[in-house]
N, C-alpha and C. Protein backbone atom coordinates (compact mmCIF):
# COMPACT_ATOMS: atom_id res chain seq x y z
N UNK A 1 0.86 -1.28 -0.23
CA UNK A 1 -0.02 -0.04 0.19
C UNK A 1 0.88 1.32 -0.15
N UNK A 2 0.54 2.02 -0.97
CA UNK A 2 1.34 3.16 -0.64
C UNK A 2 0.56 4.71 -0.21
N UNK A 3 1.09 5.34 0.85
CA UNK A 3 0.93 6.37 1.65
C UNK A 3 1.23 7.61 1.18
N UNK A 4 1.00 8.55 0.73
CA UNK A 4 1.00 9.50 -0.05
C UNK A 4 0.50 10.73 0.80
N UNK A 5 1.38 11.35 1.61
CA UNK A 5 1.17 12.50 2.30
C UNK A 5 2.25 13.55 2.45
N UNK A 6 1.88 15.14 3.32
CA UNK A 6 3.31 15.55 3.10
C UNK A 6 4.41 15.36 3.82
N UNK A 7 4.34 14.26 4.38
CA UNK A 7 5.53 13.80 5.07
C UNK A 7 5.95 12.59 4.29
N UNK A 8 5.20 11.82 3.30
CA UNK A 8 5.73 11.13 2.40
C UNK A 8 5.30 11.29 1.17
N UNK A 9 5.77 12.34 0.83
CA UNK A 9 5.33 12.03 -0.94
C UNK A 9 5.73 11.61 -1.72
N UNK A 10 5.38 11.45 -2.86
CA UNK A 10 6.03 10.44 -4.00
C UNK A 10 6.42 11.56 -4.36
N UNK A 11 7.41 11.31 -5.56
CA UNK A 11 8.36 12.39 -6.70
C UNK A 11 7.65 11.78 -7.58
N UNK A 12 8.09 12.52 -8.75
CA UNK A 12 7.30 12.53 -10.08
C UNK A 12 8.45 13.47 -10.93
N UNK A 13 9.43 12.61 -11.55
CA UNK A 13 10.52 12.69 -12.22
C UNK A 13 10.51 13.34 -13.92
N UNK A 14 10.95 14.30 -14.59
CA UNK A 14 11.18 14.39 -15.99
C UNK A 14 12.11 14.35 -16.07
N UNK A 15 13.22 13.72 -16.67
CA UNK A 15 14.58 14.10 -17.54
C UNK A 15 14.13 14.40 -19.15
N UNK A 16 15.08 15.19 -19.61
CA UNK A 16 15.01 15.58 -21.08
C UNK A 16 16.50 14.83 -21.52
N UNK A 17 16.23 14.28 -22.38
CA UNK A 17 17.82 14.63 -23.21
C UNK A 17 18.80 15.84 -23.66
N UNK A 18 20.28 16.11 -23.62
CA UNK A 18 20.42 16.91 -24.49
C UNK A 18 20.23 17.89 -25.45
N UNK A 19 19.56 18.69 -25.65
CA UNK A 19 19.21 19.48 -26.63
C UNK A 19 18.13 18.77 -27.49
N UNK A 20 17.15 17.87 -26.67
CA UNK A 20 16.17 17.53 -26.94
C UNK A 20 16.31 16.62 -28.29
N UNK A 21 17.45 15.75 -28.13
CA UNK A 21 17.61 15.04 -29.15
C UNK A 21 16.95 13.82 -29.04
N UNK A 22 16.10 12.92 -30.30
CA UNK A 22 15.17 11.79 -29.85
C UNK A 22 16.21 10.54 -30.07
N UNK A 23 17.11 10.26 -28.50
CA UNK A 23 17.88 9.54 -28.14
C UNK A 23 16.59 7.95 -28.36
N UNK A 24 15.97 8.27 -27.69
CA UNK A 24 15.44 6.33 -27.59
C UNK A 24 14.28 6.79 -28.60
N UNK A 25 14.41 6.79 -30.19
CA UNK A 25 13.96 6.65 -31.23
C UNK A 25 13.67 5.36 -31.28
N UNK A 26 14.79 4.36 -31.47
CA UNK A 26 14.58 2.98 -31.85
C UNK A 26 14.30 2.49 -30.73
N UNK A 27 13.26 1.31 -31.00
CA UNK A 27 13.15 0.02 -29.93
C UNK A 27 14.36 -0.48 -29.21
N UNK A 28 15.67 -1.07 -29.82
CA UNK A 28 16.57 -1.33 -29.29
C UNK A 28 16.95 -0.34 -28.09
N UNK A 29 16.98 1.03 -28.83
CA UNK A 29 17.73 2.08 -27.52
C UNK A 29 16.52 1.74 -26.00
N UNK A 30 15.23 1.73 -26.52
CA UNK A 30 14.31 1.96 -25.51
C UNK A 30 14.32 0.59 -24.51
N UNK A 31 14.92 -0.36 -24.95
CA UNK A 31 15.30 -1.54 -24.36
C UNK A 31 15.74 -1.41 -23.33
N UNK A 32 17.16 -1.02 -23.94
CA UNK A 32 18.19 -0.51 -23.19
C UNK A 32 17.74 0.53 -22.28
N UNK A 33 17.33 1.33 -22.47
CA UNK A 33 16.53 2.28 -21.12
C UNK A 33 15.71 1.71 -20.38
N UNK A 34 14.86 0.99 -20.64
CA UNK A 34 13.78 -0.02 -19.70
C UNK A 34 14.63 -0.73 -19.13
N UNK A 35 15.72 -1.53 -18.96
CA UNK A 35 16.99 -2.31 -18.44
C UNK A 35 17.46 -1.65 -17.61
N UNK A 36 17.67 -0.42 -18.45
CA UNK A 36 18.64 0.26 -17.16
C UNK A 36 18.03 1.46 -15.99
N UNK A 37 16.34 1.22 -16.45
CA UNK A 37 15.27 2.45 -15.53
C UNK A 37 15.78 0.97 -14.31
N UNK A 38 15.13 -0.04 -14.77
CA UNK A 38 14.91 -1.41 -13.49
C UNK A 38 16.17 -1.90 -12.95
N UNK A 39 17.36 -1.29 -13.68
CA UNK A 39 18.74 -1.39 -12.40
C UNK A 39 18.84 -0.31 -11.84
N UNK A 40 17.97 0.57 -11.79
CA UNK A 40 18.07 1.84 -11.00
C UNK A 40 17.60 1.57 -10.00
N UNK A 41 16.15 1.30 -10.22
CA UNK A 41 15.03 1.08 -9.18
C UNK A 41 16.00 -0.25 -8.69
N UNK A 42 16.38 -1.33 -8.73
CA UNK A 42 16.88 -2.26 -8.04
C UNK A 42 18.01 -1.50 -6.88
N UNK A 43 19.24 -1.15 -8.14
CA UNK A 43 20.77 -0.07 -7.17
C UNK A 43 20.04 0.81 -6.03
N UNK A 44 18.78 1.91 -6.71
CA UNK A 44 18.46 2.65 -6.05
C UNK A 44 17.68 2.48 -4.53
N UNK A 45 17.04 1.00 -4.61
CA UNK A 45 16.14 0.84 -3.97
C UNK A 45 15.00 1.56 -3.91
N UNK A 46 14.67 1.91 -5.03
CA UNK A 46 13.22 2.70 -4.84
C UNK A 46 11.92 2.03 -5.37
N UNK A 47 10.86 2.62 -5.58
CA UNK A 47 9.80 1.92 -6.40
C UNK A 47 9.76 2.61 -7.76
N UNK A 48 9.22 2.13 -8.46
CA UNK A 48 8.67 2.77 -9.69
C UNK A 48 7.09 2.28 -10.05
N UNK A 49 6.42 3.55 -10.18
CA UNK A 49 5.09 3.32 -10.10
C UNK A 49 4.10 3.80 -11.64
N UNK A 50 4.90 4.14 -12.29
CA UNK A 50 4.76 4.55 -13.30
C UNK A 50 5.77 5.40 -13.89
N UNK A 51 6.02 4.82 -15.56
CA UNK A 51 7.13 5.42 -16.28
C UNK A 51 6.39 5.63 -17.39
N UNK A 52 7.43 6.49 -18.52
CA UNK A 52 7.48 6.16 -19.97
C UNK A 52 8.55 6.17 -20.55
N UNK A 53 9.20 5.91 -21.59
CA UNK A 53 10.39 6.34 -22.21
C UNK A 53 9.71 7.04 -23.24
N UNK A 54 10.11 8.25 -23.80
CA UNK A 54 9.51 9.07 -24.84
C UNK A 54 10.92 9.40 -25.95
N UNK A 55 10.79 9.78 -27.19
CA UNK A 55 11.96 9.78 -27.73
C UNK A 55 13.17 10.41 -27.38
N UNK A 56 12.61 11.68 -26.33
CA UNK A 56 13.68 12.68 -26.55
C UNK A 56 13.46 13.22 -24.73
N UNK A 57 12.83 12.09 -23.88
CA UNK A 57 12.89 12.50 -22.65
C UNK A 57 11.98 11.17 -21.65
N UNK A 58 11.81 10.97 -20.75
CA UNK A 58 11.78 10.36 -19.44
C UNK A 58 10.61 10.63 -18.60
N UNK A 59 9.59 10.13 -18.50
CA UNK A 59 8.96 10.57 -17.33
C UNK A 59 9.03 9.40 -15.92
N UNK A 60 8.76 9.41 -14.50
CA UNK A 60 9.15 8.50 -13.62
C UNK A 60 8.35 8.86 -12.60
N UNK A 61 7.40 8.23 -11.78
CA UNK A 61 6.64 7.94 -11.10
C UNK A 61 7.38 7.51 -10.06
N UNK A 62 7.77 7.62 -8.65
CA UNK A 62 8.58 6.96 -7.81
C UNK A 62 8.40 7.30 -6.35
N UNK A 63 8.45 6.52 -5.26
CA UNK A 63 8.28 6.68 -4.01
C UNK A 63 9.29 7.83 -3.72
N UNK A 64 8.93 8.28 -2.25
CA UNK A 64 9.50 9.60 -1.63
C UNK A 64 10.41 8.86 -0.65
N UNK A 65 11.11 7.73 -0.48
CA UNK A 65 11.69 6.92 0.32
C UNK A 65 13.45 7.95 0.58
N UNK A 66 13.75 7.63 -0.98
CA UNK A 66 14.77 8.19 -1.06
C UNK A 66 14.87 10.13 -1.83
N UNK A 67 15.96 10.66 -1.24
CA UNK A 67 16.15 12.56 -1.66
C UNK A 67 15.93 12.34 -3.51
N UNK A 68 15.28 13.37 -3.66
CA UNK A 68 15.09 13.20 -5.48
C UNK A 68 16.24 13.42 -5.69
N UNK A 69 17.23 13.55 -5.34
CA UNK A 69 18.87 14.14 -6.09
C UNK A 69 19.35 12.68 -6.24
N UNK A 70 19.13 11.80 -5.02
CA UNK A 70 19.50 10.37 -5.17
C UNK A 70 18.81 9.56 -6.38
N UNK A 71 17.75 9.83 -6.23
CA UNK A 71 16.76 9.25 -7.62
C UNK A 71 17.79 9.50 -8.74
N UNK A 72 17.24 10.78 -8.80
CA UNK A 72 17.98 10.97 -10.42
C UNK A 72 19.18 10.79 -10.51
N UNK A 73 20.23 10.49 -9.40
CA UNK A 73 21.66 10.31 -9.65
C UNK A 73 21.48 8.94 -10.24
N UNK A 74 20.91 7.93 -9.40
CA UNK A 74 20.79 6.28 -9.78
C UNK A 74 20.01 6.27 -11.33
N UNK A 75 19.10 6.94 -11.66
CA UNK A 75 18.18 7.07 -12.88
C UNK A 75 18.78 7.67 -13.70
N UNK A 76 19.40 8.73 -13.99
CA UNK A 76 20.14 9.38 -15.04
C UNK A 76 21.33 8.52 -15.08
N UNK A 77 22.06 8.40 -14.21
CA UNK A 77 23.60 7.99 -13.92
C UNK A 77 23.66 6.58 -14.39
N UNK A 78 22.65 5.87 -14.56
CA UNK A 78 22.58 4.22 -15.02
C UNK A 78 22.11 4.39 -16.22
N UNK A 79 21.27 4.84 -16.40
CA UNK A 79 20.41 5.20 -18.05
C UNK A 79 21.60 5.81 -19.27
N UNK A 80 22.53 6.90 -18.42
CA UNK A 80 23.48 7.81 -19.38
C UNK A 80 24.44 6.32 -19.35
N UNK A 81 25.31 6.03 -18.63
CA UNK A 81 26.07 4.86 -18.58
C UNK A 81 26.13 3.86 -19.55
N UNK A 82 24.53 3.01 -19.41
CA UNK A 82 24.24 2.15 -20.41
C UNK A 82 23.83 2.63 -22.23
N UNK A 83 23.23 3.82 -22.23
CA UNK A 83 23.24 4.39 -23.16
C UNK A 83 24.32 4.93 -24.13
N UNK A 84 25.40 5.07 -23.63
CA UNK A 84 25.83 5.36 -24.50
C UNK A 84 27.38 4.77 -24.52
N UNK A 85 27.21 3.66 -23.34
CA UNK A 85 28.24 2.35 -23.84
C UNK A 85 27.67 1.53 -24.63
N UNK A 86 26.30 1.60 -25.34
CA UNK A 86 26.00 0.82 -25.99
C UNK A 86 26.11 1.57 -27.39
N UNK A 87 25.86 2.87 -27.35
CA UNK A 87 26.06 3.37 -29.00
C UNK A 87 27.72 3.44 -28.60
N UNK A 88 28.64 3.27 -28.23
CA UNK A 88 30.14 3.38 -28.43
C UNK A 88 30.30 1.66 -28.86
N UNK A 89 29.56 0.54 -28.12
CA UNK A 89 29.86 -0.88 -29.10
C UNK A 89 29.27 -0.98 -29.92
N UNK A 90 28.70 -0.48 -30.11
CA UNK A 90 28.02 -0.45 -31.89
C UNK A 90 28.21 0.42 -32.84
N UNK A 91 28.99 1.28 -32.61
CA UNK A 91 29.27 2.35 -33.63
C UNK A 91 29.00 3.37 -33.98
N UNK A 92 27.78 3.82 -32.95
CA UNK A 92 27.36 4.83 -33.33
C UNK A 92 27.92 6.13 -33.09
N UNK A 93 29.04 6.46 -34.05
CA UNK A 93 29.72 7.54 -33.95
C UNK A 93 28.88 9.01 -34.12
N UNK A 94 28.09 9.23 -34.86
CA UNK A 94 27.48 10.19 -35.46
C UNK A 94 26.37 10.57 -34.38
N UNK A 95 26.21 9.58 -33.61
CA UNK A 95 25.10 10.09 -32.17
C UNK A 95 25.53 10.43 -31.30
N UNK A 96 26.86 10.04 -30.63
CA UNK A 96 27.93 10.01 -29.97
C UNK A 96 28.32 11.22 -29.71
N UNK A 97 28.63 12.07 -31.41
CA UNK A 97 29.21 13.70 -31.55
C UNK A 97 28.29 14.41 -31.43
N UNK A 98 26.89 13.93 -31.35
CA UNK A 98 25.91 15.13 -30.98
C UNK A 98 25.69 14.79 -29.34
N UNK A 99 26.10 13.86 -29.11
CA UNK A 99 26.19 14.36 -27.44
C UNK A 99 27.01 14.57 -26.76
N UNK A 100 28.25 14.85 -27.52
CA UNK A 100 29.68 15.23 -26.74
C UNK A 100 29.48 16.70 -26.66
N UNK A 101 30.63 17.04 -25.49
CA UNK A 101 30.23 18.28 -24.47
C UNK A 101 31.17 18.74 -25.48
N UNK A 102 30.65 20.37 -25.12
CA UNK A 102 31.19 21.45 -25.91
C UNK A 102 32.30 21.99 -25.42
N UNK A 103 32.43 21.83 -23.76
CA UNK A 103 33.72 22.09 -23.06
C UNK A 103 34.14 20.81 -22.30
N UNK A 104 35.01 20.86 -22.17
CA UNK A 104 35.88 19.16 -21.99
C UNK A 104 36.03 19.42 -20.01
N UNK A 105 35.14 20.48 -19.40
CA UNK A 105 35.17 20.82 -17.88
C UNK A 105 35.45 19.67 -17.24
N UNK A 106 34.39 18.14 -17.38
CA UNK A 106 34.30 17.10 -16.57
C UNK A 106 35.05 16.06 -17.05
N UNK A 107 35.07 14.85 -16.26
CA UNK A 107 35.84 13.51 -16.58
C UNK A 107 35.29 12.95 -17.79
N UNK A 108 33.79 13.31 -18.34
CA UNK A 108 33.17 12.36 -19.34
C UNK A 108 33.25 13.01 -20.61
N UNK A 109 33.00 12.75 -21.97
CA UNK A 109 33.11 13.66 -22.69
C UNK A 109 31.74 13.64 -23.36
N UNK A 110 30.80 12.70 -23.08
CA UNK A 110 29.39 12.82 -23.66
C UNK A 110 28.59 12.85 -22.46
N UNK A 111 27.04 13.50 -22.88
CA UNK A 111 25.97 13.75 -21.70
C UNK A 111 24.45 13.49 -22.48
N UNK A 112 24.03 12.46 -21.82
CA UNK A 112 22.98 12.20 -22.18
C UNK A 112 21.59 13.10 -21.96
N UNK A 113 22.14 13.73 -20.46
CA UNK A 113 20.69 14.51 -20.45
C UNK A 113 20.87 16.10 -20.53
N UNK A 114 19.76 17.52 -20.24
CA UNK A 114 20.41 18.42 -20.04
C UNK A 114 20.36 18.50 -18.26
N UNK A 115 20.90 19.26 -17.72
CA UNK A 115 21.97 19.17 -16.65
C UNK A 115 20.36 19.35 -15.21
N UNK A 116 19.31 20.20 -15.97
CA UNK A 116 17.94 20.38 -14.95
C UNK A 116 17.38 19.61 -14.98
N UNK A 117 17.07 18.96 -14.00
CA UNK A 117 15.52 17.98 -14.62
C UNK A 117 14.40 18.67 -13.20
N UNK A 118 13.19 18.26 -13.77
CA UNK A 118 12.05 18.57 -13.09
C UNK A 118 11.47 17.16 -11.81
N UNK A 119 11.33 17.84 -10.73
CA UNK A 119 10.73 17.18 -9.74
C UNK A 119 9.48 17.65 -9.67
N UNK A 120 8.66 16.86 -9.43
CA UNK A 120 8.17 17.35 -8.58
C UNK A 120 6.81 16.72 -7.31
N UNK A 121 7.25 17.21 -6.16
CA UNK A 121 6.63 16.36 -5.20
C UNK A 121 4.83 16.18 -4.73
N UNK A 122 4.58 15.02 -4.56
CA UNK A 122 3.03 14.82 -5.04
C UNK A 122 2.92 14.23 -3.41
N UNK A 123 1.87 15.08 -3.12
CA UNK A 123 1.58 14.90 -1.70
C UNK A 123 -0.16 14.71 -1.35
N UNK A 124 -0.80 14.20 -2.88
CA UNK A 124 -2.47 13.69 -2.51
C UNK A 124 -2.47 12.85 -3.80
N UNK A 125 -3.08 11.69 -3.24
CA UNK A 125 -3.76 10.82 -4.38
C UNK A 125 -4.01 11.19 -5.42
N UNK A 126 -5.01 12.56 -5.38
CA UNK A 126 -5.72 12.94 -6.88
C UNK A 126 -4.65 13.76 -7.41
N UNK A 127 -3.24 14.23 -7.13
CA UNK A 127 -1.80 14.13 -7.57
C UNK A 127 -1.51 13.53 -8.23
N UNK A 128 -1.44 12.49 -7.40
CA UNK A 128 -0.70 11.01 -7.50
C UNK A 128 -1.42 10.64 -9.33
N UNK A 129 -2.59 10.11 -9.01
CA UNK A 129 -3.20 9.36 -10.56
C UNK A 129 -3.36 10.94 -11.67
N UNK A 130 -3.34 11.89 -11.46
CA UNK A 130 -3.27 12.68 -12.30
C UNK A 130 -1.99 12.62 -13.06
N UNK A 131 -0.86 12.18 -12.04
CA UNK A 131 0.38 12.36 -13.09
C UNK A 131 0.83 10.84 -13.48
N UNK A 132 -0.11 10.19 -13.16
CA UNK A 132 -0.08 8.85 -13.72
C UNK A 132 -0.52 8.57 -14.92
N UNK A 133 -1.98 9.35 -15.22
CA UNK A 133 -2.71 9.36 -16.14
C UNK A 133 -1.79 10.45 -17.19
N UNK A 134 -1.45 11.64 -17.10
CA UNK A 134 -0.60 12.20 -17.84
C UNK A 134 0.49 11.38 -18.30
N UNK A 135 1.13 10.81 -17.67
CA UNK A 135 2.64 9.78 -18.40
C UNK A 135 2.24 8.99 -19.27
N UNK A 136 0.73 8.43 -18.43
CA UNK A 136 0.88 7.19 -20.18
C UNK A 136 -0.26 7.76 -21.08
N UNK A 137 -0.77 8.71 -21.15
CA UNK A 137 -1.27 9.52 -22.21
C UNK A 137 -0.04 10.27 -23.12
N UNK A 138 0.93 10.37 -22.49
CA UNK A 138 2.14 11.21 -23.13
C UNK A 138 2.71 10.68 -24.63
N UNK A 139 2.58 9.57 -24.76
CA UNK A 139 2.77 9.26 -26.56
C UNK A 139 1.27 9.41 -27.08
N UNK A 140 0.52 9.60 -26.63
CA UNK A 140 -1.16 9.34 -27.71
C UNK A 140 -0.77 10.93 -27.79
N UNK A 141 -0.48 12.26 -27.13
CA UNK A 141 -0.50 13.63 -26.78
C UNK A 141 0.49 13.71 -28.20
N UNK A 142 1.60 12.81 -28.18
CA UNK A 142 2.81 13.02 -28.82
C UNK A 142 2.61 12.60 -30.46
N UNK A 143 1.33 12.13 -30.50
CA UNK A 143 0.88 11.65 -31.71
C UNK A 143 1.81 10.17 -32.19
N UNK A 144 2.32 9.27 -31.11
CA UNK A 144 3.32 8.23 -31.69
C UNK A 144 2.04 6.80 -31.22
N UNK A 145 1.20 6.79 -31.19
CA UNK A 145 -0.32 6.04 -30.94
C UNK A 145 -1.54 6.31 -30.65
N UNK A 146 -2.17 5.46 -31.46
CA UNK A 146 -3.87 5.93 -31.01
C UNK A 146 -4.30 5.95 -29.69
N UNK A 147 -3.90 4.65 -28.71
CA UNK A 147 -4.33 4.53 -27.71
C UNK A 147 -3.29 4.57 -26.40
N UNK A 148 -3.29 4.49 -25.54
CA UNK A 148 -2.01 4.92 -24.49
C UNK A 148 -1.57 3.46 -24.05
N UNK A 149 -2.54 2.44 -23.76
CA UNK A 149 -2.00 0.95 -24.00
C UNK A 149 -0.95 0.39 -25.31
N UNK A 150 -1.37 1.31 -26.38
CA UNK A 150 -0.61 0.67 -27.43
C UNK A 150 1.15 1.07 -27.70
N UNK A 151 1.24 1.93 -26.42
CA UNK A 151 2.74 2.05 -26.35
C UNK A 151 3.42 1.35 -25.50
N UNK A 152 4.46 0.71 -26.14
CA UNK A 152 5.26 -0.47 -25.59
C UNK A 152 6.15 0.18 -24.70
N UNK A 153 6.60 1.20 -24.37
CA UNK A 153 7.01 1.85 -23.22
C UNK A 153 7.18 2.42 -22.42
N UNK A 154 5.58 2.03 -21.92
CA UNK A 154 5.42 2.54 -21.02
C UNK A 154 4.71 2.04 -19.52
N UNK A 155 4.53 1.71 -18.55
CA UNK A 155 3.81 1.04 -17.18
C UNK A 155 2.73 0.79 -17.34
N UNK A 156 2.00 1.74 -18.60
CA UNK A 156 0.38 1.71 -18.83
C UNK A 156 -0.30 0.42 -18.53
N UNK A 157 0.56 -0.71 -19.29
CA UNK A 157 -0.17 -2.12 -19.74
C UNK A 157 -0.16 -2.56 -18.02
N UNK A 158 0.61 -2.16 -16.99
CA UNK A 158 1.39 -3.18 -15.85
C UNK A 158 0.14 -3.53 -14.95
């Protein structure tokens, strides 16, 4: 049972790819992203109540047991490593070039995500359900499918 309150809010996270590049355009990369999201959930010890992998962003609704920064670190970090690793291993040089940093101020060459993610604290069941529906209807609003249940890369059918 999920208890949602001001003391134990749920988190609604949105992370956008660098320059809104459609990184998750292919089914293969969506498979990698879903596996990475599951790995992040296990490694970080948090629940995922709803999610969607869109071509250029993700939405994740999770419990509030961990700090938002921790959930983002696990989610974005693991997904970045897995996606960039896949691109390197399969020779997608042009895709990697689009993710390259303009400045070499950090220890890594590529960045999958914009640096600022959106985190919303949900403190009521109404707000929670609104975000679940918003998440699941996102592919329909984007014109990717006719019905939410037709989109394979979300939790709508779970």
